Amino acid sequence: MDELDNRLGLFHAELSALKQKVKELLEENKRLSIENHQLRQVFKRETTTEREAVLAAKSSKSRNKESVQKSSLEESNVAVGEGHDNLTRLYHEGFHICNVYYGHLRTEGDCLFCLSFLNK
């Protein structure tokens, strides 16, 4: 009887451990699903932006050489600001932009590394 009681105790402990593991896996699955959805939205926006940029570049080729050179200089200046804006947007969408956790979903509020990077 004691041996049977010990076995039941072990099975109970094992079942509790399995329940905890299933719970952790479900939480991770949910977190990854949310992150995947957000990344798909970002990718869709970036793809649309790139298409618009390609179309704009094709139309700008028809201009004369001087205006193309000026617009290239202006675009390179804008690109620097756009990069910072894109990182800021990613951070506000809930992703890390710091070198420690880059691209991971922020689950616990603000990240000091990301904020210090944005303030540079």
C-alpha atoms as a PDB file:
ATOM      1  CA  MET A   1       0.000   0.000   0.000  1.00  0.00           C
ATOM      2  CA  ASP A   2       2.838   2.378   0.868  1.00  0.00           C
ATOM      3  CA  GLU A   3       4.529   1.653  -2.436  1.00  0.00           C
ATOM      4  CA  LEU A   4       1.305   2.348  -4.301  1.00  0.00           C
ATOM      5  CA  ASP A   5       0.922   5.615  -2.380  1.00  0.00           C
ATOM      6  CA  ASN A   6       4.506   6.605  -3.289  1.00  0.00           C
ATOM      7  CA  ARG A   7       3.870   5.826  -6.958  1.00  0.00           C
ATOM      8  CA  LEU A   8       0.690   7.898  -6.937  1.00  0.00           C
ATOM      9  CA  GLY A   9       2.631  10.766  -5.394  1.00  0.00           C
ATOM     10  CA  LEU A  10       5.275  10.510  -8.115  1.00  0.00           C
ATOM     11  CA  PHE A  11       2.625  10.385 -10.844  1.00  0.00           C
ATOM     12  CA  HIS A  12       0.935  13.411  -9.336  1.00  0.00           C
ATOM     13  CA  ALA A  13       4.216  15.337  -9.252  1.00  0.00           C
ATOM     14  CA  GLU A  14       4.977  14.301 -12.831  1.00  0.00           C
ATOM     15  CA  LEU A  15       1.501  15.337 -13.963  1.00  0.00           C
ATOM     16  CA  SER A  16       1.908  18.726 -12.268  1.00  0.00           C
ATOM     17  CA  ALA A  17       5.252  19.229 -14.013  1.00  0.00           C
ATOM     18  CA  LEU A  18       3.687  18.329 -17.362  1.00  0.00           C
ATOM     19  CA  LYS A  19       0.805  20.757 -16.761  1.00  0.00           C
ATOM     20  CA  GLN A  20       3.304  23.523 -15.992  1.00  0.00           C
ATOM     21  CA  LYS A  21       5.300  22.734 -19.135  1.00  0.00           C
ATOM     22  CA  VAL A  22       2.126  22.807 -21.272  1.00  0.00           C
ATOM     23  CA  LYS A  23       1.175  26.155 -19.727  1.00  0.00           C
ATOM     24  CA  GLU A  24       4.634  27.592 -20.500  1.00  0.00           C
ATOM     25  CA  LEU A  25       4.470  26.299 -24.076  1.00  0.00           C
ATOM     26  CA  LEU A  26       1.006  27.798 -24.601  1.00  0.00           C
ATOM     27  CA  GLU A  27       2.185  31.169 -23.282  1.00  0.00           C
ATOM     28  CA  GLU A  28       5.248  31.073 -25.520  1.00  0.00           C
ATOM     29  CA  ASN A  29       3.099  30.106 -28.494  1.00  0.00           C
ATOM     30  CA  LYS A  30       0.771  33.040 -27.841  1.00  0.00           C
ATOM     31  CA  ARG A  31       3.714  35.448 -27.476  1.00  0.00           C
ATOM     32  CA  LEU A  32       5.288  34.184 -30.698  1.00  0.00           C
ATOM     33  CA  SER A  33       1.961  34.419 -32.528  1.00  0.00           C
ATOM     34  CA  ILE A  34       1.608  38.067 -31.486  1.00  0.00           C
ATOM     35  CA  GLU A  35       5.213  38.791 -32.468  1.00  0.00           C
ATOM     36  CA  ASN A  36       4.725  37.034 -35.808  1.00  0.00           C
ATOM     37  CA  HIS A  37       1.573  39.052 -36.512  1.00  0.00           C
ATOM     38  CA  GLN A  38       3.341  42.321 -35.688  1.00  0.00           C
ATOM     39  CA  LEU A  39       6.342  41.386 -37.825  1.00  0.00           C
ATOM     40  CA  ARG A  40       4.055  40.561 -40.752  1.00  0.00           C
ATOM     41  CA  GLN A  41       2.433  43.988 -40.434  1.00  0.00           C
ATOM     42  CA  VAL A  42       5.828  45.690 -40.343  1.00  0.00           C
ATOM     43  CA  PHE A  43       7.033  43.650 -43.320  1.00  0.00           C
ATOM     44  CA  LYS A  44       3.893  44.526 -45.274  1.00  0.00           C
ATOM     45  CA  ARG A  45       4.398  48.239 -44.576  1.00  0.00           C
ATOM     46  CA  GLU A  46       8.099  48.101 -45.443  1.00  0.00           C
ATOM     47  CA  THR A  47       7.387  46.240 -48.677  1.00  0.00           C
ATOM     48  CA  THR A  48       4.802  48.843 -49.661  1.00  0.00           C
ATOM     49  CA  THR A  49       7.255  51.633 -48.851  1.00  0.00           C
ATOM     50  CA  GLU A  50       9.995  49.972 -50.898  1.00  0.00           C
ATOM     51  CA  ARG A  51       7.673  49.565 -53.872  1.00  0.00           C
ATOM     52  CA  GLU A  52       6.776  53.235 -53.699  1.00  0.00           C
ATOM     53  CA  ALA A  53      10.477  54.128 -53.500  1.00  0.00           C
ATOM     54  CA  VAL A  54      11.260  51.984 -56.564  1.00  0.00           C
ATOM     55  CA  LEU A  55       8.450  53.611 -58.522  1.00  0.00           C
ATOM     56  CA  ALA A  56       9.665  57.045 -57.470  1.00  0.00           C
ATOM     57  CA  ALA A  57      13.219  56.141 -58.479  1.00  0.00           C
ATOM     58  CA  LYS A  58      12.058  54.984 -61.914  1.00  0.00           C
ATOM     59  CA  SER A  59      10.167  58.211 -62.491  1.00  0.00           C
ATOM     60  CA  SER A  60      13.133  60.272 -61.331  1.00  0.00           C
ATOM     61  CA  LYS A  61      15.402  58.603 -63.930  1.00  0.00           C
ATOM     62  CA  SER A  62      13.545  60.456 -66.636  1.00  0.00           C
ATOM     63  CA  ARG A  63      14.764  63.769 -65.200  1.00  0.00           C
ATOM     64  CA  ASN A  64      18.023  65.336 -66.335  1.00  0.00           C
ATOM     65  CA  LYS A  65      21.353  64.454 -64.685  1.00  0.00           C
ATOM     66  CA  GLU A  66      21.612  67.494 -62.434  1.00  0.00           C
ATOM     67  CA  SER A  67      18.209  67.109 -60.849  1.00  0.00           C
ATOM     68  CA  VAL A  68      18.857  63.392 -60.299  1.00  0.00           C
ATOM     69  CA  GLN A  69      22.111  64.164 -58.489  1.00  0.00           C
ATOM     70  CA  LYS A  70      20.395  66.748 -56.289  1.00  0.00           C
ATOM     71  CA  SER A  71      17.553  64.388 -55.443  1.00  0.00           C
ATOM     72  CA  SER A  72      20.065  61.621 -54.598  1.00  0.00           C
ATOM     73  CA  LEU A  73      21.783  63.920 -52.130  1.00  0.00           C
ATOM     74  CA  GLU A  74      18.440  64.883 -50.632  1.00  0.00           C
ATOM     75  CA  GLU A  75      17.349  61.235 -50.421  1.00  0.00           C
ATOM     76  CA  SER A  76      20.559  60.254 -48.628  1.00  0.00           C
ATOM     77  CA  ASN A  77      19.970  63.016 -46.075  1.00  0.00           C
ATOM     78  CA  VAL A  78      16.369  61.898 -45.652  1.00  0.00           C
ATOM     79  CA  ALA A  79      17.417  58.247 -45.354  1.00  0.00           C
ATOM     80  CA  VAL A  80      19.410  59.015 -42.200  1.00  0.00           C
ATOM     81  CA  GLY A  81      16.360  60.567 -40.578  1.00  0.00           C
ATOM     82  CA  GLU A  82      14.122  57.809 -41.913  1.00  0.00           C
ATOM     83  CA  GLY A  83      16.270  55.137 -40.279  1.00  0.00           C
ATOM     84  CA  HIS A  84      15.902  56.767 -36.878  1.00  0.00           C
ATOM     85  CA  ASP A  85      12.179  57.221 -37.477  1.00  0.00           C
ATOM     86  CA  ASN A  86      11.837  53.556 -38.448  1.00  0.00           C
ATOM     87  CA  LEU A  87      13.637  52.440 -35.286  1.00  0.00           C
ATOM     88  CA  THR A  88      11.458  54.729 -33.189  1.00  0.00           C
ATOM     89  CA  ARG A  89       8.353  53.321 -34.852  1.00  0.00           C
ATOM     90  CA  LEU A  90       9.540  49.740 -34.250  1.00  0.00           C
ATOM     91  CA  TYR A  91      10.187  50.538 -30.594  1.00  0.00           C
ATOM     92  CA  HIS A  92       6.707  52.003 -30.178  1.00  0.00           C
ATOM     93  CA  GLU A  93       5.221  48.936 -31.879  1.00  0.00           C
ATOM     94  CA  GLY A  94       6.682  46.865 -29.051  1.00  0.00           C
ATOM     95  CA  PHE A  95      10.016  45.603 -30.382  1.00  0.00           C
ATOM     96  CA  HIS A  96      13.517  45.999 -28.982  1.00  0.00           C
ATOM     97  CA  ILE A  97      15.904  48.117 -31.059  1.00  0.00           C
ATOM     98  CA  CYS A  98      18.926  47.798 -28.765  1.00  0.00           C
ATOM     99  CA  ASN A  99      21.862  45.573 -29.607  1.00  0.00           C
ATOM    100  CA  VAL A 100      21.102  43.323 -26.631  1.00  0.00           C
ATOM    101  CA  TYR A 101      17.592  42.156 -27.623  1.00  0.00           C
ATOM    102  CA  TYR A 102      17.179  43.549 -31.138  1.00  0.00           C
ATOM    103  CA  GLY A 103      13.968  42.400 -32.811  1.00  0.00           C
ATOM    104  CA  HIS A 104      12.526  40.651 -29.761  1.00  0.00           C
ATOM    105  CA  LEU A 105       9.099  41.587 -28.520  1.00  0.00           C
ATOM    106  CA  ARG A 106       9.146  43.905 -25.474  1.00  0.00           C
ATOM    107  CA  THR A 107       6.944  42.289 -22.870  1.00  0.00           C
ATOM    108  CA  GLU A 108       7.926  44.129 -19.711  1.00  0.00           C
ATOM    109  CA  GLY A 109       7.548  47.821 -20.503  1.00  0.00           C
ATOM    110  CA  ASP A 110      10.347  50.155 -21.534  1.00  0.00           C
ATOM    111  CA  CYS A 111      13.911  48.978 -22.136  1.00  0.00           C
ATOM    112  CA  LEU A 112      16.668  51.260 -20.854  1.00  0.00           C
ATOM    113  CA  PHE A 113      19.061  50.133 -23.584  1.00  0.00           C
ATOM    114  CA  CYS A 114      16.550  50.995 -26.305  1.00  0.00           C
ATOM    115  CA  LEU A 115      15.707  54.339 -24.719  1.00  0.00           C
ATOM    116  CA  SER A 116      19.373  55.305 -24.415  1.00  0.00           C
ATOM    117  CA  PHE A 117      19.857  54.369 -28.073  1.00  0.00           C
ATOM    118  CA  LEU A 118      16.907  56.547 -29.108  1.00  0.00           C
ATOM    119  CA  ASN A 119      18.222  59.492 -27.093  1.00  0.00           C
ATOM    120  CA  LYS A 120      21.613  59.466 -28.890  1.00  0.00           C
END
